[in-house]
N, C-alpha and C. Protein backbone atom coordinates (compact mmCIF):
# COMPACT_ATOMS: atom_id res chain seq x y z
N MET A 1 9.44 35.66 -5.63
CA MET A 1 9.19 34.82 -5.09
C MET A 1 10.50 33.71 -4.29
N LYS A 2 11.51 34.31 -4.84
CA LYS A 2 12.87 33.61 -4.67
C LYS A 2 13.17 33.93 -3.28
N ASP A 3 12.89 35.50 -3.03
CA ASP A 3 13.15 36.27 -1.71
C ASP A 3 12.46 35.85 -0.49
N PHE A 4 11.06 35.43 -1.15
CA PHE A 4 10.12 34.92 -0.24
C PHE A 4 10.61 33.49 0.38
N VAL A 5 10.73 32.71 -0.37
CA VAL A 5 11.10 31.28 -0.14
C VAL A 5 12.42 31.35 0.51
N SER A 6 13.10 32.14 0.33
CA SER A 6 14.82 32.04 1.41
C SER A 6 14.38 32.75 2.35
N GLY A 7 13.50 33.40 2.55
CA GLY A 7 12.94 33.89 4.05
C GLY A 7 12.20 32.79 5.03
N ILE A 8 11.98 31.88 4.66
CA ILE A 8 11.17 31.00 5.05
C ILE A 8 12.09 30.08 6.44
N LYS A 9 11.88 29.91 7.27
CA LYS A 9 12.40 28.86 8.07
C LYS A 9 11.99 27.58 8.02
N VAL A 10 12.95 26.54 7.60
CA VAL A 10 12.50 25.07 7.41
C VAL A 10 12.77 24.23 8.41
N THR A 11 12.04 23.02 8.98
CA THR A 11 12.28 21.84 10.12
C THR A 11 12.44 20.81 9.08
N GLY A 12 12.99 19.66 10.04
CA GLY A 12 13.11 18.30 9.48
C GLY A 12 13.47 18.38 8.45
N ARG A 13 13.17 17.73 7.46
CA ARG A 13 13.42 17.42 5.93
C ARG A 13 13.27 18.25 5.28
N THR A 14 12.48 19.09 5.47
CA THR A 14 12.03 20.18 4.46
C THR A 14 12.67 20.96 3.75
N LYS A 15 12.23 20.90 2.30
CA LYS A 15 13.62 21.71 1.40
C LYS A 15 12.54 22.69 0.68
N LEU A 16 12.92 23.68 0.16
CA LEU A 16 12.01 24.68 -0.57
C LEU A 16 13.06 25.11 -1.75
N ASP A 17 12.17 24.96 -3.03
CA ASP A 17 12.47 24.89 -4.14
C ASP A 17 11.65 25.88 -4.97
N PRO A 18 11.62 27.26 -5.20
CA PRO A 18 10.47 28.07 -5.68
C PRO A 18 10.58 27.75 -7.04
N ASP A 19 11.38 27.18 -7.99
CA ASP A 19 10.98 26.58 -9.42
C ASP A 19 10.85 25.32 -9.28
N GLY A 20 10.52 24.42 -8.57
CA GLY A 20 10.25 22.98 -8.52
C GLY A 20 8.57 22.73 -8.25
N ASP A 21 8.50 21.21 -8.31
CA ASP A 21 7.23 21.05 -8.02
C ASP A 21 7.27 20.36 -6.39
N VAL A 22 6.25 20.54 -6.06
CA VAL A 22 5.66 20.33 -4.70
C VAL A 22 5.90 18.25 -4.57
N ASP A 23 7.05 17.54 -3.80
CA ASP A 23 7.42 16.60 -3.26
C ASP A 23 6.95 16.16 -1.90
N ILE A 24 6.73 15.09 -1.75
CA ILE A 24 6.29 14.80 -0.48
C ILE A 24 6.85 12.87 -0.68
N SER A 25 7.11 12.57 0.95
CA SER A 25 7.51 11.24 1.10
C SER A 25 6.91 11.02 2.38
N ILE A 26 7.43 9.39 2.93
CA ILE A 26 7.21 9.54 4.06
C ILE A 26 8.45 8.52 4.61
N VAL A 27 8.65 8.78 5.65
CA VAL A 27 10.13 7.96 6.83
C VAL A 27 9.24 6.78 7.10
N ALA A 28 10.16 5.68 7.06
CA ALA A 28 9.84 4.60 7.29
C ALA A 28 8.44 3.89 6.92
N PRO A 29 8.33 3.63 5.92
CA PRO A 29 6.55 3.18 5.87
C PRO A 29 6.30 1.93 6.38
N HIS A 30 7.35 1.00 7.03
CA HIS A 30 6.90 -0.36 7.30
C HIS A 30 6.50 -0.43 8.73
N ARG A 31 6.47 0.99 9.22
CA ARG A 31 6.38 1.05 10.84
C ARG A 31 4.39 0.95 10.45
N TYR A 32 4.08 1.08 9.52
CA TYR A 32 2.44 0.99 9.21
C TYR A 32 1.99 -0.30 8.83
N ARG A 33 3.29 -1.45 8.66
CA ARG A 33 2.57 -2.76 8.02
C ARG A 33 1.55 -3.52 8.69
N ALA A 34 1.57 -3.52 10.16
CA ALA A 34 0.76 -4.38 11.13
C ALA A 34 -0.67 -3.64 10.96
N GLU A 35 -0.92 -2.34 10.48
CA GLU A 35 -1.76 -1.95 10.47
C GLU A 35 -2.64 -2.24 9.03
N ILE A 36 -1.75 -2.44 8.26
CA ILE A 36 -1.97 -2.40 6.60
C ILE A 36 -2.30 -4.30 6.79
N ILE A 37 -1.68 -4.62 7.37
CA ILE A 37 -1.88 -6.72 7.20
C ILE A 37 -3.28 -6.68 7.69
N THR A 38 -3.64 -5.96 8.97
CA THR A 38 -5.21 -6.27 9.74
C THR A 38 -6.15 -5.73 8.88
N LEU A 39 -5.64 -4.62 7.85
CA LEU A 39 -6.93 -4.11 7.27
C LEU A 39 -7.14 -5.34 5.93
N PHE A 40 -5.97 -5.85 5.58
CA PHE A 40 -6.13 -6.92 4.71
C PHE A 40 -6.94 -8.15 5.27
N ALA A 41 -6.55 -8.73 6.56
CA ALA A 41 -7.41 -9.86 7.32
C ALA A 41 -8.85 -9.53 7.28
N GLN A 42 -9.09 -8.19 7.34
CA GLN A 42 -10.48 -8.04 7.36
C GLN A 42 -11.42 -8.28 6.40
N ASP A 43 -10.70 -7.78 5.13
CA ASP A 43 -11.05 -7.58 4.13
C ASP A 43 -11.20 -9.01 3.63
N ALA A 44 -10.13 -9.90 3.82
CA ALA A 44 -10.25 -11.49 3.36
C ALA A 44 -11.49 -12.00 3.99
N LYS A 45 -11.26 -11.71 5.43
CA LYS A 45 -12.81 -12.36 6.08
C LYS A 45 -14.01 -11.99 5.78
N ASN A 46 -14.21 -10.45 5.16
CA ASN A 46 -15.42 -10.00 4.71
C ASN A 46 -15.91 -10.70 3.38
N ILE A 47 -14.67 -11.17 2.91
CA ILE A 47 -15.23 -11.66 1.27
C ILE A 47 -15.35 -13.20 1.33
N THR A 48 -14.44 -13.95 2.64
CA THR A 48 -14.85 -15.43 2.74
C THR A 48 -16.24 -15.49 3.14
N ALA A 49 -16.47 -14.72 3.92
CA ALA A 49 -18.15 -14.55 4.77
C ALA A 49 -19.24 -14.17 3.94
N ALA A 50 -18.93 -13.37 2.89
CA ALA A 50 -19.94 -13.38 1.77
C ALA A 50 -20.10 -14.54 0.66
N LEU A 51 -19.17 -15.07 0.46
CA LEU A 51 -19.31 -16.07 -0.21
C LEU A 51 -19.52 -17.68 0.32
N GLY A 52 -19.53 -17.77 1.45
CA GLY A 52 -19.69 -18.63 1.93
C GLY A 52 -18.23 -19.80 2.36
N GLU A 53 -18.64 -20.57 3.04
CA GLU A 53 -18.19 -21.97 3.37
C GLU A 53 -17.29 -22.50 2.16
N ASP A 54 -18.00 -22.74 0.93
CA ASP A 54 -17.46 -23.46 -0.07
C ASP A 54 -16.37 -22.53 -1.03
N TYR A 55 -15.87 -21.47 -0.56
CA TYR A 55 -14.94 -20.72 -1.15
C TYR A 55 -13.87 -20.29 -0.01
N LYS A 56 -12.42 -20.12 -0.47
CA LYS A 56 -11.60 -19.54 0.02
C LYS A 56 -10.73 -18.66 -0.61
N ILE A 57 -9.79 -17.71 0.10
CA ILE A 57 -8.84 -16.71 -0.28
C ILE A 57 -7.45 -17.75 -0.27
N VAL A 58 -6.59 -17.60 -1.24
CA VAL A 58 -5.04 -17.91 -1.33
C VAL A 58 -4.80 -16.71 -1.69
N ALA A 59 -3.44 -15.86 -0.86
CA ALA A 59 -2.79 -14.93 -1.13
C ALA A 59 -1.60 -14.59 -1.51
N THR A 60 -1.09 -14.09 -2.25
CA THR A 60 0.46 -14.14 -2.59
C THR A 60 0.62 -12.85 -2.34
N GLY A 61 2.09 -12.45 -2.05
CA GLY A 61 2.74 -11.02 -2.21
C GLY A 61 2.51 -10.29 -1.01
N ILE A 62 1.69 -10.83 0.23
CA ILE A 62 1.38 -10.02 1.27
C ILE A 62 2.54 -10.04 2.36
N ASP A 63 3.59 -10.99 1.71
CA ASP A 63 5.54 -10.65 2.61
C ASP A 63 5.79 -9.70 1.73
N ARG A 64 5.34 -8.97 0.91
CA ARG A 64 6.38 -7.76 0.28
C ARG A 64 6.40 -6.88 1.15
N PRO A 65 7.23 -5.94 0.96
CA PRO A 65 7.37 -4.57 1.92
C PRO A 65 6.15 -3.30 1.43
N VAL A 66 6.06 -2.66 2.54
CA VAL A 66 4.77 -1.61 2.43
C VAL A 66 5.57 -0.26 1.35
N ARG A 67 4.74 -0.23 0.72
CA ARG A 67 4.74 0.77 -0.48
C ARG A 67 4.00 1.86 -0.55
N TRP A 68 4.29 2.99 -1.36
CA TRP A 68 3.29 3.94 -0.96
C TRP A 68 3.29 5.08 -2.22
N VAL A 69 2.30 5.43 -2.55
CA VAL A 69 1.92 6.32 -3.95
C VAL A 69 1.06 7.63 -3.69
N ARG A 70 1.58 8.50 -4.07
CA ARG A 70 1.15 9.69 -3.97
C ARG A 70 -0.43 9.87 -4.65
N MET A 71 -1.34 10.40 -3.65
CA MET A 71 -2.95 10.43 -4.18
C MET A 71 -3.27 11.89 -4.17
N GLY A 72 -2.66 12.70 -3.98
CA GLY A 72 -2.60 14.40 -4.09
C GLY A 72 -1.88 15.10 -3.66
N LEU A 73 -1.99 16.18 -3.92
CA LEU A 73 -0.92 17.18 -3.52
C LEU A 73 -0.07 16.71 -2.05
N LEU A 74 -0.90 16.75 -0.91
CA LEU A 74 -0.32 16.24 0.27
C LEU A 74 -0.49 15.23 0.93
N GLU A 75 -1.18 14.18 0.06
CA GLU A 75 -1.79 12.66 0.39
C GLU A 75 -0.84 11.60 -0.21
N LEU A 76 -0.54 10.92 0.44
CA LEU A 76 0.03 9.38 0.33
C LEU A 76 -0.99 7.95 0.69
N ALA A 77 -0.94 7.04 -0.09
CA ALA A 77 -1.62 5.99 0.12
C ALA A 77 -0.28 4.90 0.40
N LEU A 78 -0.69 4.29 1.66
CA LEU A 78 0.14 3.18 1.84
C LEU A 78 -0.24 1.77 1.56
N PHE A 79 0.34 0.67 0.80
CA PHE A 79 -0.02 -0.58 0.62
C PHE A 79 0.94 -1.52 0.90
N VAL A 80 0.32 -2.86 0.47
CA VAL A 80 1.42 -4.04 0.48
C VAL A 80 1.05 -4.51 -1.20
N PRO A 81 1.73 -4.51 -1.74
CA PRO A 81 1.33 -5.24 -3.10
C PRO A 81 0.81 -6.50 -3.26
N TYR A 82 -0.29 -7.08 -2.88
CA TYR A 82 -0.62 -8.34 -3.05
C TYR A 82 -1.65 -8.68 -3.98
N LYS A 83 -2.21 -9.78 -3.91
CA LYS A 83 -2.80 -10.14 -4.70
C LYS A 83 -3.56 -11.48 -4.34
N PHE A 84 -5.11 -11.73 -4.40
CA PHE A 84 -5.64 -12.68 -4.13
C PHE A 84 -6.41 -14.04 -5.05
N GLU A 85 -6.72 -14.77 -4.92
CA GLU A 85 -7.49 -16.04 -5.73
C GLU A 85 -8.61 -16.32 -4.90
N VAL A 86 -9.71 -16.38 -5.26
CA VAL A 86 -11.09 -17.10 -4.62
C VAL A 86 -10.94 -18.52 -5.46
N LEU A 87 -10.65 -19.33 -4.39
CA LEU A 87 -10.76 -20.80 -4.63
C LEU A 87 -11.86 -21.62 -4.47
N PRO A 88 -12.64 -22.59 -4.83
CA PRO A 88 -13.64 -23.43 -4.23
C PRO A 88 -12.73 -24.26 -2.70
N SER A 89 -13.40 -24.04 -1.53
CA SER A 89 -12.53 -24.60 -0.56
C SER A 89 -12.18 -26.42 -0.93
N SER A 90 -12.55 -26.84 -1.79
CA SER A 90 -12.49 -28.14 -1.91
C SER A 90 -11.09 -28.37 -2.56
N VAL A 91 -10.34 -27.43 -3.30
CA VAL A 91 -9.12 -27.20 -3.92
C VAL A 91 -8.02 -27.30 -2.69
N ASN A 92 -6.66 -28.53 -2.94
CA ASN A 92 -5.97 -28.64 -1.85
C ASN A 92 -4.53 -27.79 -2.13
N THR A 93 -4.50 -28.17 -3.71
CA THR A 93 -3.42 -27.87 -4.09
C THR A 93 -3.63 -26.37 -5.14
N PHE A 94 -2.65 -25.65 -5.17
CA PHE A 94 -2.62 -24.35 -6.09
C PHE A 94 -1.50 -23.98 -6.41
N VAL A 95 -1.09 -23.65 -7.74
CA VAL A 95 0.32 -23.36 -8.39
C VAL A 95 0.14 -21.76 -8.65
N THR A 96 0.64 -20.87 -8.40
CA THR A 96 0.42 -19.47 -9.32
C THR A 96 1.00 -19.58 -10.53
N VAL A 97 0.72 -19.08 -11.40
CA VAL A 97 1.32 -18.94 -12.60
C VAL A 97 1.61 -17.28 -13.25
N PRO A 98 3.24 -16.66 -13.03
CA PRO A 98 3.63 -15.44 -13.00
C PRO A 98 2.84 -15.04 -14.42
N ALA A 99 2.20 -13.99 -14.16
CA ALA A 99 2.05 -12.94 -15.47
C ALA A 99 2.97 -12.81 -16.49
N GLN A 100 2.51 -13.20 -17.89
CA GLN A 100 3.42 -12.01 -18.76
C GLN A 100 3.31 -10.93 -19.25
N ASP A 101 4.54 -10.27 -19.32
CA ASP A 101 4.16 -8.67 -19.49
C ASP A 101 4.37 -8.65 -20.93
């Protein structure tokens, strides 16, 4: 196996280790931020439309950096770790309480 791996021509940031696990990563995940935020905005719009004018969404964490998680052997999922609260639209002041670990 080691002879086979040593004979493979690699490009870019590729590294081969015949004894190691398969690892993948992404370069500059922040370049996908606009698309991720667009998906978030559409989701928020769908939720508020389904709930009606009596409710609104207050999002927190949407300003955080893009993160990624491995979803399969060669698949990654990109996301912004946000959360949101659904509130009655009559609420004018909202304070989040940090979760206790």
